[in-house]
Amino acid sequence: MLKVNAAFAAALTGAIFVTAAPAFAAQCNHKAGFTGFIADFKKEAASKGITKNGLAALDGLTVDDKVLAADRNQKVFKQTFEEFSGRMISKDRMVKGAKMLQTHAEAIKKVEKQYGVPGPVVVAIWGLETDYGVNQGKMSVVRSVATLAYDCRRTDKFQGELADALRIIDRGDMAAADLKGDWAGEIGQTQFLPSSYVKYAVTVDGRGKADLVRNQQDVIASTANYLKSHGWQRGQGWGPGQPNFAVIQEWNKAEVYAKTIALFADKLAGGGKSAQR
């Protein structure tokens, strides 16, 4: 995950996470420490249908101090849209994005037909999130979200994310050792949190298990599925003030980031296209 995007996500956590309904009741900052928290969480997760296969990912887990440090050291983003977009929409990223549109033209056409989301929008998100899969993160997703769940700042949100990370393992989508991401638990080439992976990960042909780490066509389909599920309107514009800009903000609520996605998609579509889509 691009570090700047992590900063945006963390800067917005107060607005995004405070309304999350408690799904688990394990005590954050447990009186018996992290070990006690994990023991309680295991019992509750088991009661919610997570089997030994998933629960085993919690064995021997320890708090990741790097995650806590990253979560506590976020700064309000001060760059202007012009500064940020000028840096993020680089020539190299543009060239790679155009190549991705060509390489995956067949899959993108299929995805556009099914979900109504234009390829340039998906590819713009893909490029900004991980530089088309290059920077997916190498931290343990289970350890990261368990650490954030144990911390009391957003325990409800991240206890839910921890449960969904275990569900991904439990249902055989990914092994715990392969479940790697950035410090907040983001997974794959467009950086889905575990809850989004469980809800929106799909294969391009609707068969088998989605692989958002290695399968680029699944990445395209799943990202489009996320946007469609959040209200994407087929044939409508995606620039600021247009119907689908609000959907892009569901991807990332920071306006400067959403505007950069929209501009990048415009450029990939040939310039000035958002108003016509």
Protein backbone atom coordinates (compact mmCIF):
# COMPACT_ATOMS: atom_id res chain seq x y z
CA MET A 1 0.00 0.00 0.00
CA LEU A 2 1.28 3.46 -0.78
CA LYS A 3 2.27 5.04 2.51
CA VAL A 4 0.44 8.24 1.69
CA ASN A 5 -2.78 6.29 1.32
CA ALA A 6 -2.25 4.68 4.70
CA ALA A 7 -1.88 8.15 6.14
CA PHE A 8 -5.15 9.23 4.56
CA ALA A 9 -6.95 6.18 5.89
CA ALA A 10 -5.62 6.67 9.40
CA ALA A 11 -6.32 10.39 9.41
CA LEU A 12 -9.96 9.61 8.71
CA THR A 13 -10.42 6.83 11.20
CA GLY A 14 -12.26 9.01 13.66
CA ALA A 15 -14.95 9.74 11.08
CA ILE A 16 -15.05 6.28 9.58
CA PHE A 17 -14.71 3.94 12.54
CA VAL A 18 -16.46 5.66 15.41
CA THR A 19 -19.91 4.56 14.25
CA ALA A 20 -18.97 0.90 13.82
CA ALA A 21 -21.32 -1.34 15.82
CA PRO A 22 -19.58 -3.68 18.28
CA ALA A 23 -19.43 -7.18 16.84
CA PHE A 24 -17.17 -8.77 19.46
CA ALA A 25 -16.81 -8.23 23.18
CA ALA A 26 -13.20 -9.19 23.91
CA GLN A 27 -11.74 -6.56 26.24
CA CYS A 28 -9.18 -4.26 24.64
CA ASN A 29 -6.06 -3.65 26.74
CA HIS A 30 -7.07 -6.81 28.60
CA LYS A 31 -6.07 -7.09 32.27
CA ALA A 32 -4.28 -10.31 31.32
CA GLY A 33 -2.49 -8.58 28.47
CA PHE A 34 -2.48 -9.51 24.81
CA THR A 35 -2.52 -13.22 25.63
CA GLY A 36 -5.70 -12.80 27.63
CA PHE A 37 -7.30 -10.75 24.87
CA ILE A 38 -6.50 -13.42 22.27
CA ALA A 39 -7.85 -16.18 24.52
CA ASP A 40 -11.16 -14.35 24.93
CA PHE A 41 -11.34 -13.49 21.25
CA LYS A 42 -10.74 -17.13 20.27
CA LYS A 43 -13.72 -18.25 22.37
CA GLU A 44 -16.01 -15.66 20.86
CA ALA A 45 -14.79 -16.27 17.31
CA ALA A 46 -15.41 -19.99 17.74
CA SER A 47 -18.95 -19.22 18.89
CA LYS A 48 -19.45 -17.30 15.65
CA GLY A 49 -18.50 -20.27 13.49
CA ILE A 50 -14.78 -19.84 12.93
CA THR A 51 -13.17 -23.27 13.11
CA LYS A 52 -9.83 -24.49 14.42
CA ASN A 53 -8.28 -23.95 10.99
CA GLY A 54 -8.81 -20.21 11.23
CA LEU A 55 -8.28 -19.91 14.97
CA ALA A 56 -4.84 -21.54 14.68
CA ALA A 57 -3.59 -18.33 13.03
CA LEU A 58 -3.80 -16.68 16.46
CA ASP A 59 -1.45 -19.18 18.13
CA GLY A 60 1.77 -17.60 19.39
CA LEU A 61 0.78 -14.14 18.21
CA THR A 62 2.41 -11.08 19.78
CA VAL A 63 1.68 -7.37 19.63
CA ASP A 64 3.37 -5.61 16.70
CA ASP A 65 4.80 -2.37 18.07
CA LYS A 66 5.49 -1.13 14.55
CA VAL A 67 1.76 -1.22 13.83
CA LEU A 68 0.97 0.78 16.95
CA ALA A 69 3.69 3.30 16.10
CA ALA A 70 2.36 3.71 12.55
CA ASP A 71 -1.19 4.15 13.84
CA ARG A 72 -0.16 6.79 16.36
CA ASN A 73 2.13 8.83 14.16
CA GLN A 74 -0.19 9.95 11.39
CA LYS A 75 -0.09 13.59 10.35
CA VAL A 76 -2.73 15.64 8.63
CA PHE A 77 -1.96 15.70 4.93
CA LYS A 78 -0.98 19.20 3.86
CA GLN A 79 -0.22 18.94 0.16
CA THR A 80 -2.59 20.63 -2.25
CA PHE A 81 -4.45 18.57 -4.83
CA GLU A 82 -2.15 19.97 -7.53
CA GLU A 83 0.96 18.97 -5.60
CA PHE A 84 -0.34 15.55 -4.66
CA SER A 85 -1.83 14.58 -8.01
CA GLY A 86 1.22 15.92 -9.84
CA ARG A 87 3.45 13.60 -7.85
CA MET A 88 1.18 10.57 -7.81
CA ILE A 89 0.14 10.57 -11.47
CA SER A 90 3.68 10.08 -12.69
CA LYS A 91 4.71 9.41 -16.26
CA ASP A 92 5.79 5.89 -15.34
CA ARG A 93 2.46 5.16 -13.66
CA MET A 94 0.61 6.52 -16.69
CA VAL A 95 2.61 4.33 -19.08
CA LYS A 96 2.05 1.25 -16.92
CA GLY A 97 -1.66 2.05 -16.62
CA ALA A 98 -2.07 2.33 -20.38
CA LYS A 99 -0.30 -1.00 -20.75
CA MET A 100 -2.60 -2.62 -18.17
CA LEU A 101 -5.64 -1.40 -20.11
CA GLN A 102 -4.27 -3.07 -23.24
CA THR A 103 -3.03 -6.25 -21.57
CA HIS A 104 -6.32 -6.87 -19.78
CA ALA A 105 -8.63 -5.44 -22.42
CA GLU A 106 -10.77 -8.59 -22.63
CA ALA A 107 -11.22 -8.90 -18.86
CA ILE A 108 -11.90 -5.17 -18.53
CA LYS A 109 -14.56 -5.34 -21.23
CA LYS A 110 -16.24 -8.21 -19.40
CA VAL A 111 -16.04 -6.37 -16.08
CA GLU A 112 -17.40 -3.13 -17.58
CA LYS A 113 -20.37 -5.05 -18.98
CA GLN A 114 -21.10 -6.80 -15.69
CA TYR A 115 -20.50 -3.98 -13.19
CA GLY A 116 -20.74 -0.83 -15.29
CA VAL A 117 -17.43 0.50 -13.95
CA PRO A 118 -15.04 1.80 -16.66
CA GLY A 119 -11.63 0.19 -16.86
CA PRO A 120 -9.70 3.46 -16.43
CA VAL A 121 -11.26 3.99 -12.98
CA VAL A 122 -10.25 0.52 -11.79
CA VAL A 123 -6.76 0.84 -13.26
CA ALA A 124 -6.30 4.29 -11.68
CA ILE A 125 -7.11 2.86 -8.24
CA TRP A 126 -4.83 -0.10 -8.89
CA GLY A 127 -1.94 2.15 -9.84
CA LEU A 128 -2.31 4.52 -6.90
CA GLU A 129 -2.78 1.79 -4.30
CA THR A 130 0.16 -0.51 -5.03
CA ASP A 131 1.71 0.59 -8.34
CA TYR A 132 -0.14 -2.30 -10.02
CA GLY A 133 0.76 -4.89 -7.42
CA VAL A 134 4.38 -3.98 -6.79
CA ASN A 135 3.92 -2.61 -3.25
CA GLN A 136 1.37 -4.81 -1.50
CA GLY A 137 3.03 -4.84 1.92
CA LYS A 138 4.88 -7.61 3.75
CA MET A 139 3.39 -7.50 7.24
CA SER A 140 1.22 -10.24 8.74
CA VAL A 141 -2.40 -9.20 8.27
CA VAL A 142 -3.56 -11.29 11.22
CA ARG A 143 -0.93 -9.83 13.54
CA SER A 144 -1.62 -6.28 12.35
CA VAL A 145 -5.37 -6.37 12.83
CA ALA A 146 -5.02 -8.31 16.10
CA THR A 147 -2.72 -5.58 17.39
CA LEU A 148 -5.18 -2.86 16.39
CA ALA A 149 -8.07 -4.87 17.86
CA TYR A 150 -6.24 -5.16 21.19
CA ASP A 151 -5.59 -1.43 21.22
CA CYS A 152 -8.62 0.49 22.50
CA ARG A 153 -8.65 3.25 19.89
CA ARG A 154 -10.79 1.35 17.36
CA THR A 155 -11.21 -2.07 18.90
CA ASP A 156 -14.75 -2.67 17.55
CA LYS A 157 -13.67 -2.02 13.97
CA PHE A 158 -10.56 -4.14 14.14
CA GLN A 159 -12.06 -7.02 16.09
CA GLY A 160 -14.38 -7.31 13.12
CA GLU A 161 -11.45 -7.13 10.70
CA LEU A 162 -9.62 -9.79 12.71
CA ALA A 163 -12.61 -12.10 12.53
CA ASP A 164 -12.82 -11.64 8.77
CA ALA A 165 -9.08 -12.27 8.38
CA LEU A 166 -9.62 -15.57 10.17
CA ARG A 167 -12.60 -16.33 7.92
CA ILE A 168 -10.41 -15.87 4.85
CA ILE A 169 -8.05 -18.49 6.25
CA ASP A 170 -10.87 -20.70 7.52
CA ARG A 171 -12.60 -20.98 4.17
CA GLY A 172 -9.32 -21.76 2.42
CA ASP A 173 -8.89 -18.59 0.39
CA MET A 174 -5.39 -17.93 1.72
CA ALA A 175 -3.04 -19.53 4.21
CA ALA A 176 -2.10 -17.45 7.25
CA ALA A 177 1.54 -17.35 6.12
CA ASP A 178 0.49 -15.86 2.77
CA LEU A 179 -1.86 -13.26 4.26
CA LYS A 180 0.47 -10.27 4.04
CA GLY A 181 -0.29 -6.58 3.70
CA ASP A 182 0.38 -3.11 5.04
CA TRP A 183 0.25 -2.09 8.70
CA ALA A 184 -3.54 -1.67 8.89
CA GLY A 185 -4.20 -5.13 7.42
CA GLU A 186 -4.79 -4.25 3.77
CA ILE A 187 -4.70 -7.21 1.38
CA GLY A 188 -3.84 -7.54 -2.29
CA GLN A 189 -3.19 -5.35 -5.29
CA THR A 190 -5.93 -2.82 -4.53
CA GLN A 191 -5.59 -3.15 -0.76
CA PHE A 192 -8.85 -4.58 0.54
CA LEU A 193 -9.34 -4.73 4.29
CA PRO A 194 -10.33 -8.27 5.36
CA SER A 195 -14.02 -7.29 5.63
CA SER A 196 -14.00 -6.00 2.06
CA TYR A 197 -12.14 -9.10 0.88
CA VAL A 198 -14.86 -11.31 2.40
CA LYS A 199 -17.68 -9.21 0.92
CA TYR A 200 -16.41 -8.15 -2.50
CA ALA A 201 -13.59 -10.43 -3.70
CA VAL A 202 -14.73 -12.21 -6.87
CA THR A 203 -13.19 -13.97 -9.83
CA VAL A 204 -13.51 -12.48 -13.28
CA ASP A 205 -15.40 -15.54 -14.52
CA GLY A 206 -17.33 -16.23 -11.33
CA ARG A 207 -15.61 -19.55 -10.71
CA GLY A 208 -13.35 -20.69 -7.89
CA LYS A 209 -11.74 -18.59 -5.19
CA ALA A 210 -10.64 -15.03 -5.82
CA ASP A 211 -6.92 -14.28 -5.56
CA LEU A 212 -6.32 -10.56 -5.06
CA VAL A 213 -2.60 -11.02 -4.48
CA ARG A 214 -1.54 -12.76 -7.69
CA ASN A 215 -4.45 -12.83 -10.14
CA GLN A 216 -4.72 -9.47 -11.89
CA GLN A 217 -8.06 -10.26 -13.51
CA ASP A 218 -9.56 -11.05 -10.10
CA VAL A 219 -8.17 -7.73 -8.86
CA ILE A 220 -9.95 -5.89 -11.68
CA ALA A 221 -13.26 -7.69 -11.14
CA SER A 222 -13.21 -7.34 -7.36
CA THR A 223 -12.40 -3.63 -7.43
CA ALA A 224 -15.25 -3.04 -9.86
CA ASN A 225 -17.54 -5.16 -7.67
CA TYR A 226 -16.67 -3.00 -4.66
CA LEU A 227 -17.51 0.19 -6.55
CA LYS A 228 -20.73 -1.23 -7.97
CA SER A 229 -21.77 -2.44 -4.52
CA HIS A 230 -21.26 1.08 -3.19
CA GLY A 231 -23.58 2.62 -5.74
CA TRP A 232 -21.66 3.09 -8.98
CA GLN A 233 -24.04 4.35 -11.69
CA ARG A 234 -23.42 2.93 -15.15
CA GLY A 235 -22.77 5.60 -17.77
CA GLN A 236 -22.45 8.47 -15.28
CA GLY A 237 -19.46 10.72 -14.67
CA TRP A 238 -16.88 10.19 -11.95
CA GLY A 239 -15.34 13.66 -11.60
CA PRO A 240 -16.02 16.03 -8.68
CA GLY A 241 -19.67 17.05 -8.66
CA GLN A 242 -20.71 14.07 -10.80
CA PRO A 243 -22.76 11.09 -9.57
CA ASN A 244 -19.94 8.58 -9.23
CA PHE A 245 -17.48 10.83 -7.42
CA ALA A 246 -19.28 10.00 -4.17
CA VAL A 247 -18.62 6.33 -4.87
CA ILE A 248 -14.91 7.02 -5.34
CA GLN A 249 -15.03 8.71 -1.94
CA GLU A 250 -16.39 5.48 -0.53
CA TRP A 251 -13.08 3.98 -1.62
CA ASN A 252 -11.16 6.76 0.11
CA LYS A 253 -12.92 9.63 1.85
CA ALA A 254 -10.00 12.05 1.57
CA GLU A 255 -11.09 14.48 -1.14
CA VAL A 256 -7.61 15.08 -2.50
CA TYR A 257 -7.11 11.32 -2.95
CA ALA A 258 -10.54 10.81 -4.53
CA LYS A 259 -9.93 13.72 -6.89
CA THR A 260 -6.58 12.19 -7.85
CA ILE A 261 -8.25 8.87 -8.69
CA ALA A 262 -10.78 10.74 -10.86
CA LEU A 263 -8.09 12.75 -12.66
CA PHE A 264 -5.90 9.70 -13.19
CA ALA A 265 -8.88 7.81 -14.64
CA ASP A 266 -9.59 10.78 -16.93
CA LYS A 267 -6.05 10.74 -18.23
CA LEU A 268 -6.11 6.98 -18.80
CA ALA A 269 -9.43 7.36 -20.64
CA GLY A 270 -7.90 9.92 -22.97
CA GLY A 271 -8.58 13.14 -21.08
CA GLY A 272 -11.82 14.92 -20.28
CA LYS A 273 -13.85 11.72 -20.36
CA SER A 274 -15.37 11.63 -16.90
CA ALA A 275 -18.21 13.96 -17.81
CA GLN A 276 -19.19 11.66 -20.66
CA ARG A 277 -19.16 8.39 -18.74
